Amino acid sequence: MFAHAFNSNRPMPSFQAVLLSFYDAAIGGADPGAATSRAVNSLKIPPDRRILLIAAGKAAGPMAGAAVEALLT
């Protein structure tokens, strides 16, 4: 993205393009599924323990799926 500083043949990205790339990186770094998987794995729940999983909200689907996957592996 910042190659324009070293290569004058490449056009400089627009301010909007730079902001969008920062936004995309921030959203990608805030993956609710990955965060949930790490959290569930850190709990060290025994595999034979019964679990009641309740999920609600915008990220409920990815978070519940990640929790189930973490618990089953």
N, C-alpha and C. Protein backbone atom coordinates (compact mmCIF):
# COMPACT_ATOMS: atom_id res chain seq x y z
N MET A 1 0.82 -1.19 0.00
CA MET A 1 0.00 0.00 0.00
C MET A 1 0.86 1.25 0.00
N PHE A 2 1.95 1.26 0.74
CA PHE A 2 2.80 2.45 0.80
C PHE A 2 3.99 2.34 -0.14
N ALA A 3 3.87 1.48 -1.14
CA ALA A 3 4.97 1.30 -2.09
C ALA A 3 5.23 2.57 -2.90
N HIS A 4 4.26 3.47 -2.95
CA HIS A 4 4.44 4.71 -3.71
C HIS A 4 5.62 5.53 -3.18
N ALA A 5 5.96 5.36 -1.91
CA ALA A 5 7.07 6.12 -1.35
C ALA A 5 8.41 5.67 -1.93
N PHE A 6 8.45 4.44 -2.45
CA PHE A 6 9.70 3.90 -2.98
C PHE A 6 9.66 3.71 -4.49
N ASN A 7 8.50 3.76 -5.07
CA ASN A 7 8.35 3.50 -6.49
C ASN A 7 7.45 4.58 -7.10
N SER A 8 8.02 5.48 -7.85
CA SER A 8 7.24 6.59 -8.40
C SER A 8 6.33 6.16 -9.54
N ASN A 9 6.46 4.92 -10.02
CA ASN A 9 5.61 4.44 -11.10
C ASN A 9 4.22 4.03 -10.61
N ARG A 10 4.08 3.84 -9.32
CA ARG A 10 2.78 3.43 -8.77
C ARG A 10 2.05 4.66 -8.26
N PRO A 11 0.74 4.76 -8.56
CA PRO A 11 -0.02 5.92 -8.07
C PRO A 11 -0.22 5.85 -6.55
N MET A 12 -0.27 6.99 -5.93
CA MET A 12 -0.49 7.05 -4.50
C MET A 12 -1.95 6.70 -4.20
N PRO A 13 -2.20 5.81 -3.21
CA PRO A 13 -3.59 5.46 -2.90
C PRO A 13 -4.34 6.66 -2.33
N SER A 14 -5.63 6.68 -2.58
CA SER A 14 -6.45 7.78 -2.07
C SER A 14 -6.58 7.68 -0.56
N PHE A 15 -6.93 8.76 0.06
CA PHE A 15 -7.14 8.79 1.51
C PHE A 15 -8.24 7.80 1.89
N GLN A 16 -9.29 7.74 1.06
CA GLN A 16 -10.40 6.82 1.32
C GLN A 16 -9.92 5.37 1.24
N ALA A 17 -9.07 5.05 0.29
CA ALA A 17 -8.56 3.68 0.15
C ALA A 17 -7.72 3.29 1.36
N VAL A 18 -6.93 4.22 1.86
CA VAL A 18 -6.11 3.95 3.05
C VAL A 18 -7.01 3.71 4.26
N LEU A 19 -8.02 4.57 4.44
CA LEU A 19 -8.93 4.40 5.57
C LEU A 19 -9.69 3.08 5.48
N LEU A 20 -10.13 2.72 4.28
CA LEU A 20 -10.84 1.45 4.12
C LEU A 20 -9.95 0.25 4.42
N SER A 21 -8.68 0.34 4.06
CA SER A 21 -7.78 -0.77 4.36
C SER A 21 -7.55 -0.87 5.87
N PHE A 22 -7.48 0.25 6.57
CA PHE A 22 -7.36 0.23 8.03
C PHE A 22 -8.62 -0.36 8.66
N TYR A 23 -9.77 0.03 8.15
CA TYR A 23 -11.05 -0.49 8.66
C TYR A 23 -11.13 -1.99 8.46
N ASP A 24 -10.78 -2.46 7.26
CA ASP A 24 -10.81 -3.90 6.98
C ASP A 24 -9.88 -4.68 7.90
N ALA A 25 -8.72 -4.13 8.18
CA ALA A 25 -7.76 -4.79 9.07
C ALA A 25 -8.31 -4.84 10.50
N ALA A 26 -8.97 -3.77 10.94
CA ALA A 26 -9.53 -3.75 12.29
C ALA A 26 -10.67 -4.74 12.44
N ILE A 27 -11.52 -4.81 11.45
CA ILE A 27 -12.65 -5.74 11.50
C ILE A 27 -12.13 -7.18 11.45
N GLY A 28 -11.15 -7.43 10.62
CA GLY A 28 -10.57 -8.77 10.53
C GLY A 28 -9.90 -9.19 11.82
N GLY A 29 -9.33 -8.25 12.54
CA GLY A 29 -8.67 -8.55 13.79
C GLY A 29 -9.63 -8.78 14.94
N ALA A 30 -10.85 -8.40 14.76
CA ALA A 30 -11.86 -8.55 15.81
C ALA A 30 -12.79 -9.72 15.51
N ASP A 31 -12.24 -10.83 15.10
CA ASP A 31 -13.02 -12.01 14.73
C ASP A 31 -13.64 -12.63 15.99
N PRO A 32 -14.97 -12.57 16.15
CA PRO A 32 -15.58 -13.09 17.37
C PRO A 32 -15.42 -14.60 17.51
N GLY A 33 -15.39 -15.31 16.39
CA GLY A 33 -15.23 -16.76 16.46
C GLY A 33 -13.87 -17.16 17.00
N ALA A 34 -12.83 -16.51 16.51
CA ALA A 34 -11.48 -16.83 16.98
C ALA A 34 -11.30 -16.47 18.45
N ALA A 35 -11.84 -15.34 18.86
CA ALA A 35 -11.73 -14.93 20.26
C ALA A 35 -12.48 -15.90 21.17
N THR A 36 -13.65 -16.35 20.73
CA THR A 36 -14.43 -17.31 21.52
C THR A 36 -13.72 -18.65 21.62
N SER A 37 -13.15 -19.09 20.52
CA SER A 37 -12.43 -20.36 20.52
C SER A 37 -11.26 -20.33 21.51
N ARG A 38 -10.50 -19.24 21.49
CA ARG A 38 -9.39 -19.11 22.44
C ARG A 38 -9.88 -19.11 23.88
N ALA A 39 -10.98 -18.40 24.14
CA ALA A 39 -11.51 -18.31 25.49
C ALA A 39 -12.02 -19.66 25.99
N VAL A 40 -12.75 -20.38 25.14
CA VAL A 40 -13.28 -21.69 25.54
C VAL A 40 -12.15 -22.68 25.77
N ASN A 41 -11.15 -22.66 24.90
CA ASN A 41 -10.01 -23.57 25.06
C ASN A 41 -9.26 -23.29 26.36
N SER A 42 -9.21 -22.06 26.79
CA SER A 42 -8.48 -21.71 28.01
C SER A 42 -9.22 -22.18 29.27
N LEU A 43 -10.50 -22.53 29.15
CA LEU A 43 -11.28 -22.97 30.31
C LEU A 43 -10.97 -24.41 30.71
N LYS A 44 -10.41 -25.18 29.81
CA LYS A 44 -10.04 -26.58 30.10
C LYS A 44 -11.25 -27.37 30.63
N ILE A 45 -12.37 -27.29 29.92
CA ILE A 45 -13.59 -28.00 30.31
C ILE A 45 -13.43 -29.48 29.97
N PRO A 46 -13.70 -30.37 30.92
CA PRO A 46 -13.59 -31.80 30.64
C PRO A 46 -14.55 -32.21 29.52
N PRO A 47 -14.14 -33.13 28.64
CA PRO A 47 -14.98 -33.50 27.50
C PRO A 47 -16.28 -34.19 27.88
N ASP A 48 -16.36 -34.77 29.06
CA ASP A 48 -17.58 -35.48 29.46
C ASP A 48 -18.57 -34.57 30.21
N ARG A 49 -18.23 -33.32 30.36
CA ARG A 49 -19.11 -32.39 31.08
C ARG A 49 -20.22 -31.89 30.18
N ARG A 50 -21.44 -31.84 30.72
CA ARG A 50 -22.57 -31.30 29.96
C ARG A 50 -22.50 -29.78 29.94
N ILE A 51 -22.81 -29.21 28.79
CA ILE A 51 -22.73 -27.75 28.60
C ILE A 51 -24.06 -27.26 28.04
N LEU A 52 -24.57 -26.19 28.58
CA LEU A 52 -25.73 -25.51 28.02
C LEU A 52 -25.21 -24.24 27.37
N LEU A 53 -25.35 -24.15 26.07
CA LEU A 53 -24.84 -23.00 25.32
C LEU A 53 -26.00 -22.13 24.87
N ILE A 54 -26.01 -20.89 25.29
CA ILE A 54 -27.04 -19.92 24.90
C ILE A 54 -26.31 -18.76 24.23
N ALA A 55 -26.77 -18.37 23.06
CA ALA A 55 -26.14 -17.27 22.33
C ALA A 55 -27.20 -16.29 21.85
N ALA A 56 -26.87 -15.02 21.95
CA ALA A 56 -27.78 -13.97 21.47
C ALA A 56 -26.94 -12.78 21.01
N GLY A 57 -27.42 -12.10 20.01
CA GLY A 57 -26.74 -10.90 19.54
C GLY A 57 -26.19 -11.04 18.14
N LYS A 58 -25.55 -9.98 17.67
CA LYS A 58 -25.06 -9.93 16.29
C LYS A 58 -24.01 -10.99 16.00
N ALA A 59 -23.15 -11.28 16.94
CA ALA A 59 -22.07 -12.25 16.70
C ALA A 59 -22.40 -13.62 17.29
N ALA A 60 -23.66 -13.85 17.63
CA ALA A 60 -24.05 -15.10 18.29
C ALA A 60 -23.74 -16.33 17.44
N GLY A 61 -24.00 -16.26 16.17
CA GLY A 61 -23.76 -17.41 15.28
C GLY A 61 -22.30 -17.84 15.25
N PRO A 62 -21.40 -16.92 14.87
CA PRO A 62 -19.99 -17.30 14.84
C PRO A 62 -19.44 -17.69 16.21
N MET A 63 -19.90 -17.01 17.24
CA MET A 63 -19.40 -17.33 18.58
C MET A 63 -19.89 -18.70 19.06
N ALA A 64 -21.16 -19.01 18.83
CA ALA A 64 -21.68 -20.31 19.22
C ALA A 64 -21.02 -21.43 18.43
N GLY A 65 -20.84 -21.21 17.13
CA GLY A 65 -20.17 -22.22 16.30
C GLY A 65 -18.75 -22.47 16.75
N ALA A 66 -18.04 -21.41 17.08
CA ALA A 66 -16.65 -21.56 17.55
C ALA A 66 -16.60 -22.25 18.91
N ALA A 67 -17.56 -21.95 19.77
CA ALA A 67 -17.61 -22.60 21.09
C ALA A 67 -17.85 -24.09 20.95
N VAL A 68 -18.80 -24.45 20.10
CA VAL A 68 -19.09 -25.87 19.88
C VAL A 68 -17.88 -26.58 19.30
N GLU A 69 -17.27 -25.98 18.31
CA GLU A 69 -16.07 -26.58 17.68
C GLU A 69 -14.95 -26.76 18.69
N ALA A 70 -14.74 -25.75 19.53
CA ALA A 70 -13.69 -25.83 20.55
C ALA A 70 -13.99 -26.92 21.57
N LEU A 71 -15.25 -27.06 21.93
CA LEU A 71 -15.64 -28.07 22.92
C LEU A 71 -15.55 -29.48 22.36
N LEU A 72 -15.75 -29.65 21.08
CA LEU A 72 -15.74 -30.98 20.47
C LEU A 72 -14.36 -31.45 20.08
N THR A 73 -13.39 -30.55 20.05
CA THR A 73 -12.04 -30.96 19.65
C THR A 73 -11.11 -31.07 20.82
